[in-house]
């Protein structure tokens, strides 16, 4: 199968890896699955056998045509040709009458933007099971103080629980990528903390990690002063990678009170 570099395509072909993904999802016949970037459909068939419905989103029209030929005769299968970043998942969930379960071997070049986009649909999404670049999963599951801890993990932590399921070597793909991959399961929190939904939370986290070497007093200048940071019980000379999501939440609430 021909690949296009602009879509970041690396097609999963290893049957053992496919079986492990399907087993991890453990889909039931009354559930609605959405596969992002199915490519030639090697995972698609296995998902279709387990799902109540399977919507697939594919941007490559040639691949989409092949998928429609292969699976279009199954009433449970629905093809969406287009960009996964542009999909209205709320409308799709309402059409299916149930929360969505997202799965896919994501192209590396859209993985982080897509994760942030899907978080805005968390009210209609039950969970996400994605194959991502191992380095990205390292960042998602990282703990404060570790080298991989940063903006992505801090933004995801209060909104979903993250579990690394297993790592996958380059040989499982065609063409093989230059890096290892990992499968991660993200379960949406039913009641995320209020501070995680403040616009100031994203602003504080982005500013704090914008220049990792800076202390909070310098990184957050213009948002909070030294006294306001200290009033949250946080050392203004600390650096972003030492703070927990809850501490960022305290800073976000402080910033919200100042700005409003």
Protein backbone atom coordinates (compact mmCIF):
# COMPACT_ATOMS: atom_id res chain seq x y z
CA UNK A 1 0.00 0.00 0.00
CA UNK A 2 1.44 3.36 -1.06
CA UNK A 3 1.97 5.85 1.75
CA UNK A 4 1.91 9.64 1.73
CA UNK A 5 4.49 11.45 3.85
CA UNK A 6 2.27 14.51 4.29
CA UNK A 7 -0.24 12.35 6.16
CA UNK A 8 2.47 10.75 8.32
CA UNK A 9 1.35 7.28 7.32
CA UNK A 10 2.88 4.18 8.90
CA UNK A 11 0.47 1.29 8.51
CA UNK A 12 0.13 -1.26 11.31
CA UNK A 13 0.33 -4.82 9.99
CA UNK A 14 1.36 -7.04 12.93
CA UNK A 15 -1.55 -9.40 13.79
CA UNK A 16 -0.34 -9.86 17.38
CA UNK A 17 -0.36 -6.12 18.03
CA UNK A 18 -3.79 -5.78 16.45
CA UNK A 19 -5.11 -8.59 18.68
CA UNK A 20 -3.70 -6.89 21.79
CA UNK A 21 -5.37 -3.59 20.90
CA UNK A 22 -8.73 -5.25 20.31
CA UNK A 23 -8.42 -7.18 23.57
CA UNK A 24 -7.55 -4.00 25.48
CA UNK A 25 -10.59 -2.18 24.12
CA UNK A 26 -12.88 -5.14 24.88
CA UNK A 27 -15.69 -3.58 22.84
CA UNK A 28 -19.26 -4.83 23.19
CA UNK A 29 -21.90 -5.16 20.50
CA UNK A 30 -23.90 -2.26 21.98
CA UNK A 31 -20.99 0.22 21.82
CA UNK A 32 -20.09 2.85 19.22
CA UNK A 33 -16.46 2.84 18.12
CA UNK A 34 -14.71 5.49 16.05
CA UNK A 35 -11.44 4.61 14.32
CA UNK A 36 -9.17 7.51 13.38
CA UNK A 37 -6.87 6.95 10.41
CA UNK A 38 -7.71 3.34 9.53
CA UNK A 39 -5.35 3.31 6.54
CA UNK A 40 -5.70 0.02 4.64
CA UNK A 41 -8.05 -1.33 7.32
CA UNK A 42 -6.00 -4.00 9.04
CA UNK A 43 -7.33 -2.99 12.47
CA UNK A 44 -10.74 -2.03 11.07
CA UNK A 45 -11.90 -5.58 10.40
CA UNK A 46 -11.11 -6.74 13.92
CA UNK A 47 -12.89 -3.73 15.43
CA UNK A 48 -15.92 -4.24 13.22
CA UNK A 49 -16.35 -7.80 14.45
CA UNK A 50 -16.62 -6.56 18.05
CA UNK A 51 -18.42 -3.21 17.76
CA UNK A 52 -22.09 -2.33 17.60
CA UNK A 53 -21.20 0.37 15.09
CA UNK A 54 -17.86 1.47 13.66
CA UNK A 55 -17.35 4.93 12.21
CA UNK A 56 -13.99 5.42 10.51
CA UNK A 57 -12.41 8.76 9.66
CA UNK A 58 -9.90 8.71 6.80
CA UNK A 59 -8.42 11.77 5.05
CA UNK A 60 -6.73 9.87 2.21
CA UNK A 61 -9.35 9.47 -0.54
CA UNK A 62 -7.60 6.51 -2.16
CA UNK A 63 -7.54 4.62 1.12
CA UNK A 64 -11.13 5.65 1.84
CA UNK A 65 -12.27 4.19 -1.49
CA UNK A 66 -10.55 0.89 -0.70
CA UNK A 67 -12.13 0.81 2.77
CA UNK A 68 -15.57 1.41 1.33
CA UNK A 69 -15.07 -1.42 -1.13
CA UNK A 70 -13.85 -3.76 1.57
CA UNK A 71 -16.29 -2.97 4.40
CA UNK A 72 -19.08 -0.87 2.90
CA UNK A 73 -21.42 -3.84 2.65
CA UNK A 74 -21.57 -4.15 6.46
CA UNK A 75 -24.44 -2.11 7.93
CA UNK A 76 -22.40 -1.42 11.07
CA UNK A 77 -19.68 0.36 9.05
CA UNK A 78 -19.78 4.08 8.27
CA UNK A 79 -17.00 5.89 6.41
CA UNK A 80 -16.24 9.60 6.90
CA UNK A 81 -13.81 11.05 4.36
CA UNK A 82 -12.08 14.06 5.86
CA UNK A 83 -9.88 15.49 8.58
CA UNK A 84 -10.36 14.03 12.06
CA UNK A 85 -9.57 17.49 13.46
CA UNK A 86 -12.67 18.86 11.73
CA UNK A 87 -15.20 16.21 12.77
CA UNK A 88 -18.21 17.10 14.94
CA UNK A 89 -18.08 14.29 17.48
CA UNK A 90 -21.02 15.65 19.47
CA UNK A 91 -23.28 15.27 16.45
CA UNK A 92 -21.90 11.78 15.80
CA UNK A 93 -22.52 10.68 19.40
CA UNK A 94 -26.07 11.98 19.23
CA UNK A 95 -26.59 10.12 15.97
CA UNK A 96 -25.30 6.89 17.54
CA UNK A 97 -27.28 7.47 20.73
CA UNK A 98 -24.37 6.65 23.02
CA UNK A 99 -20.89 7.85 24.06
CA UNK A 100 -18.09 7.24 21.62
CA UNK A 101 -15.05 5.04 22.12
CA UNK A 102 -12.14 6.32 20.05
CA UNK A 103 -9.36 4.10 18.72
CA UNK A 104 -6.60 4.38 16.18
CA UNK A 105 -3.01 4.30 15.07
CA UNK A 106 -2.60 8.07 14.93
CA UNK A 107 -0.27 9.78 12.47
CA UNK A 108 2.50 11.32 14.56
CA UNK A 109 2.04 14.75 12.98
CA UNK A 110 -1.51 15.23 14.32
CA UNK A 111 -1.46 13.23 17.56
CA UNK A 112 -1.06 16.08 20.06
CA UNK A 113 -3.42 18.55 18.32
CA UNK A 114 -6.01 15.78 18.00
CA UNK A 115 -5.77 14.87 21.68
CA UNK A 116 -6.43 18.48 22.67
CA UNK A 117 -9.28 18.69 20.16
CA UNK A 118 -10.91 15.52 21.48
CA UNK A 119 -10.77 16.85 25.04
CA UNK A 120 -13.26 19.51 23.98
CA UNK A 121 -15.67 16.65 23.17
CA UNK A 122 -15.09 14.79 26.42
CA UNK A 123 -18.80 15.00 27.36
CA UNK A 124 -19.63 12.58 24.51
CA UNK A 125 -16.47 10.43 24.58
CA UNK A 126 -16.00 7.52 26.97
CA UNK A 127 -12.37 6.73 26.28
CA UNK A 128 -9.49 6.90 23.81
CA UNK A 129 -7.23 3.99 22.90
CA UNK A 130 -4.49 5.29 20.64
CA UNK A 131 -1.18 4.17 19.22
CA UNK A 132 1.16 7.14 19.61
CA UNK A 133 4.85 7.85 19.38
CA UNK A 134 6.40 6.43 22.56
CA UNK A 135 7.85 9.81 23.45
CA UNK A 136 4.35 11.32 23.45
CA UNK A 137 3.01 8.60 25.75
CA UNK A 138 6.02 9.14 28.02
CA UNK A 139 4.88 12.74 28.36
CA UNK A 140 1.25 11.80 28.96
CA UNK A 141 1.99 9.43 31.87
CA UNK A 142 4.97 11.34 33.34
CA UNK A 143 4.99 12.35 37.00
CA UNK A 144 6.15 15.71 38.44
CA UNK A 145 9.91 16.03 38.56
CA UNK A 146 10.59 13.62 35.71
CA UNK A 147 12.29 14.58 32.45
CA UNK A 148 9.19 13.90 30.35
CA UNK A 149 6.79 15.85 32.58
CA UNK A 150 5.34 18.85 30.78
CA UNK A 151 2.36 20.70 29.34
CA UNK A 152 0.68 17.72 27.65
CA UNK A 153 0.56 15.57 30.77
CA UNK A 154 -0.53 18.44 33.01
CA UNK A 155 -3.37 19.36 30.66
CA UNK A 156 -4.60 15.78 30.35
CA UNK A 157 -4.24 14.65 33.98
CA UNK A 158 -7.33 16.30 35.51
CA UNK A 159 -9.56 15.41 32.56
CA UNK A 160 -8.70 11.76 32.00
CA UNK A 161 -6.83 8.86 33.56
CA UNK A 162 -3.94 7.55 31.46
CA UNK A 163 -2.62 4.00 31.30
CA UNK A 164 0.26 2.88 29.10
CA UNK A 165 -0.77 -0.54 27.80
CA UNK A 166 2.29 -1.71 25.85
CA UNK A 167 5.11 -0.58 23.57
CA UNK A 168 5.38 -1.46 19.88
CA UNK A 169 8.57 -1.69 17.82
CA UNK A 170 9.07 -0.18 14.35
CA UNK A 171 8.79 -3.60 12.67
CA UNK A 172 5.05 -3.71 13.34
CA UNK A 173 4.51 -1.01 10.69
CA UNK A 174 4.96 -0.52 6.97
CA UNK A 175 7.00 1.48 6.34
CA UNK A 176 8.71 1.16 9.73
CA UNK A 177 9.07 4.48 11.57
CA UNK A 178 12.38 5.52 13.09
CA UNK A 179 10.98 5.48 16.62
CA UNK A 180 9.08 3.16 18.94
CA UNK A 181 5.36 3.54 19.55
CA UNK A 182 3.13 2.92 22.56
CA UNK A 183 -0.55 2.16 23.03
CA UNK A 184 -2.22 4.31 25.68
CA UNK A 185 -5.74 4.18 27.13
CA UNK A 186 -7.26 7.48 28.23
CA UNK A 187 -10.52 7.26 30.22
CA UNK A 188 -12.49 10.48 30.51
CA UNK A 189 -13.17 11.65 34.06
CA UNK A 190 -16.89 11.84 34.77
CA UNK A 191 -16.52 14.91 36.99
CA UNK A 192 -13.24 16.78 36.32
CA UNK A 193 -12.31 19.49 38.83
CA UNK A 194 -13.69 22.95 38.11
CA UNK A 195 -10.22 24.51 37.98
CA UNK A 196 -9.23 22.27 35.07
CA UNK A 197 -12.01 23.82 33.00
CA UNK A 198 -10.97 27.42 33.64
CA UNK A 199 -9.40 29.13 30.60
CA UNK A 200 -6.72 30.37 33.00
CA UNK A 201 -5.58 26.78 33.61
CA UNK A 202 -4.40 26.39 30.01
CA UNK A 203 -2.84 29.88 30.11
CA UNK A 204 -0.95 29.23 33.33
CA UNK A 205 0.32 25.82 32.20
CA UNK A 206 1.41 27.13 28.80
CA UNK A 207 3.22 30.09 30.33
CA UNK A 208 4.90 27.99 33.01
CA UNK A 209 6.28 25.47 30.52
CA UNK A 210 6.99 28.04 27.79
CA UNK A 211 10.53 28.38 29.05
CA UNK A 212 11.27 25.49 31.37
CA UNK A 213 14.42 27.02 32.83
CA UNK A 214 12.52 30.01 34.18
CA UNK A 215 11.21 30.09 37.73
CA UNK A 216 7.48 30.60 38.22
CA UNK A 217 7.97 34.21 39.28
CA UNK A 218 9.48 34.95 35.87
CA UNK A 219 7.43 32.58 33.73
CA UNK A 220 4.11 33.81 35.14
CA UNK A 221 4.96 37.52 35.11
CA UNK A 222 1.93 39.37 33.83
CA UNK A 223 -0.42 36.68 35.12
CA UNK A 224 0.51 36.43 38.81
CA UNK A 225 3.01 38.26 40.99
CA UNK A 226 5.27 36.75 43.63
CA UNK A 227 2.83 37.36 46.46
CA UNK A 228 -0.06 35.78 44.60
CA UNK A 229 2.00 32.70 43.78
CA UNK A 230 3.14 32.36 47.39
CA UNK A 231 -0.46 32.78 48.60
CA UNK A 232 -1.24 29.52 46.79
CA UNK A 233 1.32 27.75 48.98
CA UNK A 234 3.78 27.51 46.09
CA UNK A 235 7.40 28.65 46.08
CA UNK A 236 7.76 31.42 43.43
CA UNK A 237 11.32 30.24 42.75
CA UNK A 238 10.13 26.73 41.83
CA UNK A 239 10.09 25.56 38.23
CA UNK A 240 7.10 24.24 36.34
CA UNK A 241 8.22 20.60 36.19
CA UNK A 242 8.03 20.30 40.00
CA UNK A 243 4.35 21.25 40.32
CA UNK A 244 1.40 18.85 40.42
CA UNK A 245 -1.72 19.49 38.31
CA UNK A 246 -3.54 20.45 41.52
CA UNK A 247 -0.94 23.15 42.20
CA UNK A 248 -1.40 24.48 38.68
CA UNK A 249 -5.12 24.46 39.45
CA UNK A 250 -4.53 26.65 42.50
CA UNK A 251 -2.56 29.09 40.35
CA UNK A 252 -5.33 29.07 37.75
CA UNK A 253 -7.96 29.93 40.35
CA UNK A 254 -5.76 32.75 41.62
CA UNK A 255 -5.30 34.09 38.09
CA UNK A 256 -9.04 33.88 37.45
CA UNK A 257 -9.79 35.94 40.55
CA UNK A 258 -7.25 38.56 39.48
CA UNK A 259 -8.40 38.80 35.88
CA UNK A 260 -12.10 38.87 36.75
